[in-house]
mmCIF file of all heavy atoms, coordinates in Angstrom:
data_MODEL
# 
_entry.id   MODEL 
# 
loop_
_atom_site.group_PDB 
_atom_site.id 
_atom_site.type_symbol 
_atom_site.label_atom_id 
_atom_site.label_alt_id 
_atom_site.label_comp_id 
_atom_site.label_asym_id 
_atom_site.label_entity_id 
_atom_site.label_seq_id 
_atom_site.pdbx_PDB_ins_code 
_atom_site.Cartn_x 
_atom_site.Cartn_y 
_atom_site.Cartn_z 
_atom_site.occupancy 
_atom_site.B_iso_or_equiv 
_atom_site.pdbx_formal_charge 
_atom_site.auth_seq_id 
_atom_site.auth_comp_id 
_atom_site.auth_asym_id 
_atom_site.auth_atom_id 
_atom_site.pdbx_PDB_model_num 
ATOM 1   N N   . PHE A 1 1  ? 217.639 37.205 51.141 1.00 0.00 ? 1  PHE A N   1 
ATOM 2   C CA  . PHE A 1 1  ? 218.652 38.006 51.803 1.00 0.00 ? 1  PHE A CA  1 
ATOM 3   C C   . PHE A 1 1  ? 219.728 37.080 52.322 1.00 0.00 ? 1  PHE A C   1 
ATOM 4   O O   . PHE A 1 1  ? 219.444 35.949 52.764 1.00 0.00 ? 1  PHE A O   1 
ATOM 5   C CB  . PHE A 1 1  ? 218.032 38.801 52.967 1.00 0.00 ? 1  PHE A CB  1 
ATOM 6   C CG  . PHE A 1 1  ? 218.943 39.828 53.573 1.00 0.00 ? 1  PHE A CG  1 
ATOM 7   C CD1 . PHE A 1 1  ? 219.076 41.081 53.003 1.00 0.00 ? 1  PHE A CD1 1 
ATOM 8   C CD2 . PHE A 1 1  ? 219.651 39.540 54.718 1.00 0.00 ? 1  PHE A CD2 1 
ATOM 9   C CE1 . PHE A 1 1  ? 219.915 42.026 53.571 1.00 0.00 ? 1  PHE A CE1 1 
ATOM 10  C CE2 . PHE A 1 1  ? 220.494 40.481 55.293 1.00 0.00 ? 1  PHE A CE2 1 
ATOM 11  C CZ  . PHE A 1 1  ? 220.619 41.729 54.712 1.00 0.00 ? 1  PHE A CZ  1 
ATOM 12  N N   . TYR A 1 2  ? 220.973 37.552 52.304 1.00 0.00 ? 2  TYR A N   1 
ATOM 13  C CA  . TYR A 1 2  ? 222.125 36.743 52.676 1.00 0.00 ? 2  TYR A CA  1 
ATOM 14  C C   . TYR A 1 2  ? 222.877 37.417 53.808 1.00 0.00 ? 2  TYR A C   1 
ATOM 15  O O   . TYR A 1 2  ? 223.203 38.603 53.720 1.00 0.00 ? 2  TYR A O   1 
ATOM 16  C CB  . TYR A 1 2  ? 223.010 36.576 51.437 1.00 0.00 ? 2  TYR A CB  1 
ATOM 17  C CG  . TYR A 1 2  ? 224.328 35.907 51.671 1.00 0.00 ? 2  TYR A CG  1 
ATOM 18  C CD1 . TYR A 1 2  ? 224.410 34.693 52.351 1.00 0.00 ? 2  TYR A CD1 1 
ATOM 19  C CD2 . TYR A 1 2  ? 225.510 36.465 51.178 1.00 0.00 ? 2  TYR A CD2 1 
ATOM 20  C CE1 . TYR A 1 2  ? 225.629 34.069 52.541 1.00 0.00 ? 2  TYR A CE1 1 
ATOM 21  C CE2 . TYR A 1 2  ? 226.723 35.852 51.369 1.00 0.00 ? 2  TYR A CE2 1 
ATOM 22  C CZ  . TYR A 1 2  ? 226.779 34.650 52.054 1.00 0.00 ? 2  TYR A CZ  1 
ATOM 23  O OH  . TYR A 1 2  ? 227.991 34.028 52.247 1.00 0.00 ? 2  TYR A OH  1 
ATOM 24  N N   . ILE A 1 3  ? 223.129 36.691 54.888 1.00 0.00 ? 3  ILE A N   1 
ATOM 25  C CA  . ILE A 1 3  ? 223.803 37.251 56.056 1.00 0.00 ? 3  ILE A CA  1 
ATOM 26  C C   . ILE A 1 3  ? 225.312 37.276 55.837 1.00 0.00 ? 3  ILE A C   1 
ATOM 27  O O   . ILE A 1 3  ? 225.936 36.231 55.620 1.00 0.00 ? 3  ILE A O   1 
ATOM 28  C CB  . ILE A 1 3  ? 223.468 36.448 57.328 1.00 0.00 ? 3  ILE A CB  1 
ATOM 29  C CG1 . ILE A 1 3  ? 221.963 36.483 57.598 1.00 0.00 ? 3  ILE A CG1 1 
ATOM 30  C CG2 . ILE A 1 3  ? 224.235 36.996 58.534 1.00 0.00 ? 3  ILE A CG2 1 
ATOM 31  C CD1 . ILE A 1 3  ? 221.409 37.850 57.900 1.00 0.00 ? 3  ILE A CD1 1 
ATOM 32  N N   . THR A 1 4  ? 225.907 38.469 55.922 1.00 0.00 ? 4  THR A N   1 
ATOM 33  C CA  . THR A 1 4  ? 227.350 38.627 55.690 1.00 0.00 ? 4  THR A CA  1 
ATOM 34  C C   . THR A 1 4  ? 228.102 39.136 56.907 1.00 0.00 ? 4  THR A C   1 
ATOM 35  O O   . THR A 1 4  ? 229.322 39.256 56.862 1.00 0.00 ? 4  THR A O   1 
ATOM 36  C CB  . THR A 1 4  ? 227.585 39.609 54.528 1.00 0.00 ? 4  THR A CB  1 
ATOM 37  O OG1 . THR A 1 4  ? 226.997 40.881 54.844 1.00 0.00 ? 4  THR A OG1 1 
ATOM 38  C CG2 . THR A 1 4  ? 226.970 39.088 53.236 1.00 0.00 ? 4  THR A CG2 1 
ATOM 39  N N   . SER A 1 5  ? 227.398 39.465 57.995 1.00 0.00 ? 5  SER A N   1 
ATOM 40  C CA  . SER A 1 5  ? 228.078 39.947 59.197 1.00 0.00 ? 5  SER A CA  1 
ATOM 41  C C   . SER A 1 5  ? 227.502 39.246 60.420 1.00 0.00 ? 5  SER A C   1 
ATOM 42  O O   . SER A 1 5  ? 226.431 38.622 60.358 1.00 0.00 ? 5  SER A O   1 
ATOM 43  C CB  . SER A 1 5  ? 227.913 41.470 59.341 1.00 0.00 ? 5  SER A CB  1 
ATOM 44  O OG  . SER A 1 5  ? 226.628 41.787 59.827 1.00 0.00 ? 5  SER A OG  1 
ATOM 45  N N   . GLY A 1 6  ? 228.194 39.391 61.534 1.00 0.00 ? 6  GLY A N   1 
ATOM 46  C CA  . GLY A 1 6  ? 227.794 38.714 62.757 1.00 0.00 ? 6  GLY A CA  1 
ATOM 47  C C   . GLY A 1 6  ? 226.932 39.546 63.675 1.00 0.00 ? 6  GLY A C   1 
ATOM 48  O O   . GLY A 1 6  ? 226.773 39.181 64.849 1.00 0.00 ? 6  GLY A O   1 
ATOM 49  N N   . SER A 1 7  ? 226.331 40.623 63.195 1.00 0.00 ? 7  SER A N   1 
ATOM 50  C CA  . SER A 1 7  ? 225.591 41.526 64.089 1.00 0.00 ? 7  SER A CA  1 
ATOM 51  C C   . SER A 1 7  ? 224.317 40.924 64.657 1.00 0.00 ? 7  SER A C   1 
ATOM 52  O O   . SER A 1 7  ? 223.766 41.445 65.633 1.00 0.00 ? 7  SER A O   1 
ATOM 53  C CB  . SER A 1 7  ? 225.257 42.822 63.354 1.00 0.00 ? 7  SER A CB  1 
ATOM 54  O OG  . SER A 1 7  ? 224.312 42.602 62.332 1.00 0.00 ? 7  SER A OG  1 
ATOM 55  N N   . MET A 1 8  ? 223.822 39.818 64.066 1.00 0.00 ? 8  MET A N   1 
ATOM 56  C CA  . MET A 1 8  ? 222.605 39.187 64.566 1.00 0.00 ? 8  MET A CA  1 
ATOM 57  C C   . MET A 1 8  ? 222.871 37.802 65.184 1.00 0.00 ? 8  MET A C   1 
ATOM 58  O O   . MET A 1 8  ? 221.943 37.027 65.423 1.00 0.00 ? 8  MET A O   1 
ATOM 59  C CB  . MET A 1 8  ? 221.577 39.064 63.450 1.00 0.00 ? 8  MET A CB  1 
ATOM 60  C CG  . MET A 1 8  ? 220.869 40.359 63.093 1.00 0.00 ? 8  MET A CG  1 
ATOM 61  S SD  . MET A 1 8  ? 219.866 41.026 64.455 1.00 0.00 ? 8  MET A SD  1 
ATOM 62  C CE  . MET A 1 8  ? 218.554 39.822 64.532 1.00 0.00 ? 8  MET A CE  1 
ATOM 63  N N   . GLU A 1 9  ? 224.132 37.483 65.443 1.00 0.00 ? 9  GLU A N   1 
ATOM 64  C CA  . GLU A 1 9  ? 224.430 36.209 66.109 1.00 0.00 ? 9  GLU A CA  1 
ATOM 65  C C   . GLU A 1 9  ? 223.825 36.220 67.520 1.00 0.00 ? 9  GLU A C   1 
ATOM 66  O O   . GLU A 1 9  ? 223.782 37.263 68.178 1.00 0.00 ? 9  GLU A O   1 
ATOM 67  C CB  . GLU A 1 9  ? 225.944 36.019 66.222 1.00 0.00 ? 9  GLU A CB  1 
ATOM 68  C CG  . GLU A 1 9  ? 226.628 35.788 64.888 1.00 0.00 ? 9  GLU A CG  1 
ATOM 69  C CD  . GLU A 1 9  ? 228.125 35.588 65.033 1.00 0.00 ? 9  GLU A CD  1 
ATOM 70  O OE1 . GLU A 1 9  ? 228.671 35.786 66.142 1.00 0.00 ? 9  GLU A OE1 1 
ATOM 71  O OE2 . GLU A 1 9  ? 228.760 35.258 64.026 1.00 0.00 ? 9  GLU A OE2 1 
ATOM 72  N N   . ASN A 1 10 ? 223.346 35.073 68.006 1.00 0.00 ? 10 ASN A N   1 
ATOM 73  C CA  . ASN A 1 10 ? 223.351 33.782 67.365 1.00 0.00 ? 10 ASN A CA  1 
ATOM 74  C C   . ASN A 1 10 ? 222.024 33.458 66.686 1.00 0.00 ? 10 ASN A C   1 
ATOM 75  O O   . ASN A 1 10 ? 221.816 32.327 66.228 1.00 0.00 ? 10 ASN A O   1 
ATOM 76  C CB  . ASN A 1 10 ? 223.650 32.688 68.384 1.00 0.00 ? 10 ASN A CB  1 
ATOM 77  C CG  . ASN A 1 10 ? 225.076 32.707 68.879 1.00 0.00 ? 10 ASN A CG  1 
ATOM 78  O OD1 . ASN A 1 10 ? 226.006 32.821 68.059 1.00 0.00 ? 10 ASN A OD1 1 
ATOM 79  N ND2 . ASN A 1 10 ? 225.261 32.626 70.167 1.00 0.00 ? 10 ASN A ND2 1 
ATOM 80  N N   . THR A 1 11 ? 221.141 34.433 66.593 1.00 0.00 ? 11 THR A N   1 
ATOM 81  C CA  . THR A 1 11 ? 219.863 34.219 65.918 1.00 0.00 ? 11 THR A CA  1 
ATOM 82  C C   . THR A 1 11 ? 220.081 33.873 64.466 1.00 0.00 ? 11 THR A C   1 
ATOM 83  O O   . THR A 1 11 ? 219.463 32.936 63.929 1.00 0.00 ? 11 THR A O   1 
ATOM 84  C CB  . THR A 1 11 ? 218.974 35.472 66.029 1.00 0.00 ? 11 THR A CB  1 
ATOM 85  O OG1 . THR A 1 11 ? 218.847 35.851 67.398 1.00 0.00 ? 11 THR A OG1 1 
ATOM 86  C CG2 . THR A 1 11 ? 217.601 35.220 65.428 1.00 0.00 ? 11 THR A CG2 1 
ATOM 87  N N   . MET A 1 12 ? 220.960 34.622 63.811 1.00 0.00 ? 12 MET A N   1 
ATOM 88  C CA  . MET A 1 12 ? 221.319 34.348 62.432 1.00 0.00 ? 12 MET A CA  1 
ATOM 89  C C   . MET A 1 12 ? 222.840 34.399 62.303 1.00 0.00 ? 12 MET A C   1 
ATOM 90  O O   . MET A 1 12 ? 223.495 35.220 62.962 1.00 0.00 ? 12 MET A O   1 
ATOM 91  C CB  . MET A 1 12 ? 220.647 35.352 61.492 1.00 0.00 ? 12 MET A CB  1 
ATOM 92  C CG  . MET A 1 12 ? 219.151 35.141 61.394 1.00 0.00 ? 12 MET A CG  1 
ATOM 93  S SD  . MET A 1 12 ? 218.320 36.319 60.319 1.00 0.00 ? 12 MET A SD  1 
ATOM 94  C CE  . MET A 1 12 ? 218.470 37.789 61.308 1.00 0.00 ? 12 MET A CE  1 
ATOM 95  N N   . LEU A 1 13 ? 223.362 33.524 61.473 1.00 0.00 ? 13 LEU A N   1 
ATOM 96  C CA  . LEU A 1 13 ? 224.800 33.386 61.332 1.00 0.00 ? 13 LEU A CA  1 
ATOM 97  C C   . LEU A 1 13 ? 225.247 33.801 59.946 1.00 0.00 ? 13 LEU A C   1 
ATOM 98  O O   . LEU A 1 13 ? 224.464 33.753 58.984 1.00 0.00 ? 13 LEU A O   1 
ATOM 99  C CB  . LEU A 1 13 ? 225.212 31.924 61.584 1.00 0.00 ? 13 LEU A CB  1 
ATOM 100 C CG  . LEU A 1 13 ? 224.768 31.307 62.912 1.00 0.00 ? 13 LEU A CG  1 
ATOM 101 C CD1 . LEU A 1 13 ? 225.182 29.837 62.960 1.00 0.00 ? 13 LEU A CD1 1 
ATOM 102 C CD2 . LEU A 1 13 ? 225.333 32.073 64.104 1.00 0.00 ? 13 LEU A CD2 1 
ATOM 103 N N   . VAL A 1 14 ? 226.518 34.194 59.850 1.00 0.00 ? 14 VAL A N   1 
ATOM 104 C CA  . VAL A 1 14 ? 227.107 34.444 58.541 1.00 0.00 ? 14 VAL A CA  1 
ATOM 105 C C   . VAL A 1 14 ? 226.975 33.173 57.700 1.00 0.00 ? 14 VAL A C   1 
ATOM 106 O O   . VAL A 1 14 ? 227.351 32.079 58.138 1.00 0.00 ? 14 VAL A O   1 
ATOM 107 C CB  . VAL A 1 14 ? 228.582 34.853 58.666 1.00 0.00 ? 14 VAL A CB  1 
ATOM 108 C CG1 . VAL A 1 14 ? 229.218 34.979 57.283 1.00 0.00 ? 14 VAL A CG1 1 
ATOM 109 C CG2 . VAL A 1 14 ? 228.697 36.159 59.442 1.00 0.00 ? 14 VAL A CG2 1 
ATOM 110 N N   . GLY A 1 15 ? 226.416 33.323 56.517 1.00 0.00 ? 15 GLY A N   1 
ATOM 111 C CA  . GLY A 1 15 ? 226.195 32.155 55.663 1.00 0.00 ? 15 GLY A CA  1 
ATOM 112 C C   . GLY A 1 15 ? 224.748 31.683 55.658 1.00 0.00 ? 15 GLY A C   1 
ATOM 113 O O   . GLY A 1 15 ? 224.412 30.744 54.941 1.00 0.00 ? 15 GLY A O   1 
ATOM 114 N N   . ASP A 1 16 ? 223.870 32.330 56.435 1.00 0.00 ? 16 ASP A N   1 
ATOM 115 C CA  . ASP A 1 16 ? 222.442 32.030 56.393 1.00 0.00 ? 16 ASP A CA  1 
ATOM 116 C C   . ASP A 1 16 ? 221.826 32.740 55.191 1.00 0.00 ? 16 ASP A C   1 
ATOM 117 O O   . ASP A 1 16 ? 222.097 33.924 54.940 1.00 0.00 ? 16 ASP A O   1 
ATOM 118 C CB  . ASP A 1 16 ? 221.732 32.494 57.648 1.00 0.00 ? 16 ASP A CB  1 
ATOM 119 C CG  . ASP A 1 16 ? 221.959 31.580 58.842 1.00 0.00 ? 16 ASP A CG  1 
ATOM 120 O OD1 . ASP A 1 16 ? 222.515 30.484 58.659 1.00 0.00 ? 16 ASP A OD1 1 
ATOM 121 O OD2 . ASP A 1 16 ? 221.578 31.960 59.962 1.00 0.00 ? 16 ASP A OD2 1 
ATOM 122 N N   . PHE A 1 17 ? 220.959 32.031 54.475 1.00 0.00 ? 17 PHE A N   1 
ATOM 123 C CA  . PHE A 1 17 ? 220.185 32.606 53.374 1.00 0.00 ? 17 PHE A CA  1 
ATOM 124 C C   . PHE A 1 17 ? 218.716 32.679 53.818 1.00 0.00 ? 17 PHE A C   1 
ATOM 125 O O   . PHE A 1 17 ? 218.155 31.661 54.254 1.00 0.00 ? 17 PHE A O   1 
ATOM 126 C CB  . PHE A 1 17 ? 220.305 31.770 52.102 1.00 0.00 ? 17 PHE A CB  1 
ATOM 127 C CG  . PHE A 1 17 ? 221.657 31.817 51.454 1.00 0.00 ? 17 PHE A CG  1 
ATOM 128 C CD1 . PHE A 1 17 ? 222.739 31.169 52.031 1.00 0.00 ? 17 PHE A CD1 1 
ATOM 129 C CD2 . PHE A 1 17 ? 221.843 32.505 50.275 1.00 0.00 ? 17 PHE A CD2 1 
ATOM 130 C CE1 . PHE A 1 17 ? 223.996 31.207 51.435 1.00 0.00 ? 17 PHE A CE1 1 
ATOM 131 C CE2 . PHE A 1 17 ? 223.071 32.544 49.663 1.00 0.00 ? 17 PHE A CE2 1 
ATOM 132 C CZ  . PHE A 1 17 ? 224.173 31.894 50.239 1.00 0.00 ? 17 PHE A CZ  1 
ATOM 133 N N   . LEU A 1 18 ? 218.112 33.840 53.703 1.00 0.00 ? 18 LEU A N   1 
ATOM 134 C CA  . LEU A 1 18 ? 216.796 34.085 54.291 1.00 0.00 ? 18 LEU A CA  1 
ATOM 135 C C   . LEU A 1 18 ? 215.733 34.349 53.227 1.00 0.00 ? 18 LEU A C   1 
ATOM 136 O O   . LEU A 1 18 ? 216.018 34.904 52.167 1.00 0.00 ? 18 LEU A O   1 
ATOM 137 C CB  . LEU A 1 18 ? 216.848 35.324 55.210 1.00 0.00 ? 18 LEU A CB  1 
ATOM 138 C CG  . LEU A 1 18 ? 218.009 35.403 56.200 1.00 0.00 ? 18 LEU A CG  1 
ATOM 139 C CD1 . LEU A 1 18 ? 217.975 36.751 56.903 1.00 0.00 ? 18 LEU A CD1 1 
ATOM 140 C CD2 . LEU A 1 18 ? 217.982 34.251 57.186 1.00 0.00 ? 18 LEU A CD2 1 
ATOM 141 N N   . VAL A 1 19 ? 214.507 33.955 53.556 1.00 0.00 ? 19 VAL A N   1 
ATOM 142 C CA  . VAL A 1 19 ? 213.332 34.379 52.781 1.00 0.00 ? 19 VAL A CA  1 
ATOM 143 C C   . VAL A 1 19 ? 212.643 35.484 53.572 1.00 0.00 ? 19 VAL A C   1 
ATOM 144 O O   . VAL A 1 19 ? 212.368 35.319 54.768 1.00 0.00 ? 19 VAL A O   1 
ATOM 145 C CB  . VAL A 1 19 ? 212.371 33.212 52.530 1.00 0.00 ? 19 VAL A CB  1 
ATOM 146 C CG1 . VAL A 1 19 ? 211.049 33.715 51.967 1.00 0.00 ? 19 VAL A CG1 1 
ATOM 147 C CG2 . VAL A 1 19 ? 212.993 32.204 51.568 1.00 0.00 ? 19 VAL A CG2 1 
ATOM 148 N N   . VAL A 1 20 ? 212.392 36.593 52.907 1.00 0.00 ? 20 VAL A N   1 
ATOM 149 C CA  . VAL A 1 20 ? 211.803 37.775 53.547 1.00 0.00 ? 20 VAL A CA  1 
ATOM 150 C C   . VAL A 1 20 ? 210.412 38.009 52.961 1.00 0.00 ? 20 VAL A C   1 
ATOM 151 O O   . VAL A 1 20 ? 210.236 38.070 51.743 1.00 0.00 ? 20 VAL A O   1 
ATOM 152 C CB  . VAL A 1 20 ? 212.697 39.024 53.316 1.00 0.00 ? 20 VAL A CB  1 
ATOM 153 C CG1 . VAL A 1 20 ? 212.061 40.259 53.931 1.00 0.00 ? 20 VAL A CG1 1 
ATOM 154 C CG2 . VAL A 1 20 ? 214.088 38.770 53.863 1.00 0.00 ? 20 VAL A CG2 1 
ATOM 155 N N   . ASN A 1 21 ? 209.445 38.158 53.841 1.00 0.00 ? 21 ASN A N   1 
ATOM 156 C CA  . ASN A 1 21 ? 208.053 38.415 53.432 1.00 0.00 ? 21 ASN A CA  1 
ATOM 157 C C   . ASN A 1 21 ? 207.862 39.923 53.276 1.00 0.00 ? 21 ASN A C   1 
ATOM 158 O O   . ASN A 1 21 ? 207.783 40.654 54.255 1.00 0.00 ? 21 ASN A O   1 
ATOM 159 C CB  . ASN A 1 21 ? 207.109 37.852 54.497 1.00 0.00 ? 21 ASN A CB  1 
ATOM 160 C CG  . ASN A 1 21 ? 205.643 37.990 54.117 1.00 0.00 ? 21 ASN A CG  1 
ATOM 161 O OD1 . ASN A 1 21 ? 205.292 38.746 53.220 1.00 0.00 ? 21 ASN A OD1 1 
ATOM 162 N ND2 . ASN A 1 21 ? 204.789 37.264 54.800 1.00 0.00 ? 21 ASN A ND2 1 
ATOM 163 N N   . ARG A 1 22 ? 207.753 40.364 52.044 1.00 0.00 ? 22 ARG A N   1 
ATOM 164 C CA  . ARG A 1 22 ? 207.561 41.790 51.775 1.00 0.00 ? 22 ARG A CA  1 
ATOM 165 C C   . ARG A 1 22 ? 206.101 42.202 51.877 1.00 0.00 ? 22 ARG A C   1 
ATOM 166 O O   . ARG A 1 22 ? 205.800 43.388 52.053 1.00 0.00 ? 22 ARG A O   1 
ATOM 167 C CB  . ARG A 1 22 ? 208.078 42.132 50.379 1.00 0.00 ? 22 ARG A CB  1 
ATOM 168 C CG  . ARG A 1 22 ? 209.524 41.746 50.129 1.00 0.00 ? 22 ARG A CG  1 
ATOM 169 C CD  . ARG A 1 22 ? 210.030 42.274 48.827 1.00 0.00 ? 22 ARG A CD  1 
ATOM 170 N NE  . ARG A 1 22 ? 210.366 43.687 48.946 1.00 0.00 ? 22 ARG A NE  1 
ATOM 171 C CZ  . ARG A 1 22 ? 211.131 44.340 48.069 1.00 0.00 ? 22 ARG A CZ  1 
ATOM 172 N NH1 . ARG A 1 22 ? 211.589 43.710 47.013 1.00 0.00 ? 22 ARG A NH1 1 
ATOM 173 N NH2 . ARG A 1 22 ? 211.398 45.607 48.229 1.00 0.00 ? 22 ARG A NH2 1 
ATOM 174 N N   . ALA A 1 23 ? 205.195 41.249 51.747 1.00 0.00 ? 23 ALA A N   1 
ATOM 175 C CA  . ALA A 1 23 ? 203.769 41.581 51.733 1.00 0.00 ? 23 ALA A CA  1 
ATOM 176 C C   . ALA A 1 23 ? 203.276 42.074 53.081 1.00 0.00 ? 23 ALA A C   1 
ATOM 177 O O   . ALA A 1 23 ? 202.241 42.731 53.158 1.00 0.00 ? 23 ALA A O   1 
ATOM 178 C CB  . ALA A 1 23 ? 202.955 40.367 51.302 1.00 0.00 ? 23 ALA A CB  1 
ATOM 179 N N   . VAL A 1 24 ? 204.006 41.761 54.160 1.00 0.00 ? 24 VAL A N   1 
ATOM 180 C CA  . VAL A 1 24 ? 203.594 42.210 55.491 1.00 0.00 ? 24 VAL A CA  1 
ATOM 181 C C   . VAL A 1 24 ? 203.511 43.733 55.536 1.00 0.00 ? 24 VAL A C   1 
ATOM 182 O O   . VAL A 1 24 ? 202.530 44.322 55.995 1.00 0.00 ? 24 VAL A O   1 
ATOM 183 C CB  . VAL A 1 24 ? 204.562 41.706 56.574 1.00 0.00 ? 24 VAL A CB  1 
ATOM 184 C CG1 . VAL A 1 24 ? 204.207 42.295 57.926 1.00 0.00 ? 24 VAL A CG1 1 
ATOM 185 C CG2 . VAL A 1 24 ? 204.507 40.192 56.653 1.00 0.00 ? 24 VAL A CG2 1 
ATOM 186 N N   . VAL A 1 25 ? 204.589 44.385 55.070 1.00 0.00 ? 25 VAL A N   1 
ATOM 187 C CA  . VAL A 1 25 ? 204.620 45.848 55.102 1.00 0.00 ? 25 VAL A CA  1 
ATOM 188 C C   . VAL A 1 25 ? 204.132 46.458 53.795 1.00 0.00 ? 25 VAL A C   1 
ATOM 189 O O   . VAL A 1 25 ? 203.944 47.677 53.701 1.00 0.00 ? 25 VAL A O   1 
ATOM 190 C CB  . VAL A 1 25 ? 206.053 46.360 55.404 1.00 0.00 ? 25 VAL A CB  1 
ATOM 191 C CG1 . VAL A 1 25 ? 206.514 45.869 56.762 1.00 0.00 ? 25 VAL A CG1 1 
ATOM 192 C CG2 . VAL A 1 25 ? 207.052 45.949 54.330 1.00 0.00 ? 25 VAL A CG2 1 
ATOM 193 N N   . GLY A 1 26 ? 203.944 45.595 52.780 1.00 0.00 ? 26 GLY A N   1 
ATOM 194 C CA  . GLY A 1 26 ? 203.551 46.082 51.465 1.00 0.00 ? 26 GLY A CA  1 
ATOM 195 C C   . GLY A 1 26 ? 204.785 46.372 50.640 1.00 0.00 ? 26 GLY A C   1 
ATOM 196 O O   . GLY A 1 26 ? 205.663 47.137 51.046 1.00 0.00 ? 26 GLY A O   1 
ATOM 197 N N   . GLY A 1 27 ? 204.899 45.754 49.482 1.00 0.00 ? 27 GLY A N   1 
ATOM 198 C CA  . GLY A 1 27 ? 206.057 45.958 48.635 1.00 0.00 ? 27 GLY A CA  1 
ATOM 199 C C   . GLY A 1 27 ? 206.218 47.419 48.229 1.00 0.00 ? 27 GLY A C   1 
ATOM 200 O O   . GLY A 1 27 ? 205.212 48.085 47.934 1.00 0.00 ? 27 GLY A O   1 
# 
């Protein structure tokens, strides 16, 4: 996942690339 907005600043910034664990909730 790629952050494109500032709605989660300062935890995550525009330009952050994330790895998301789908197995937690089940794909």
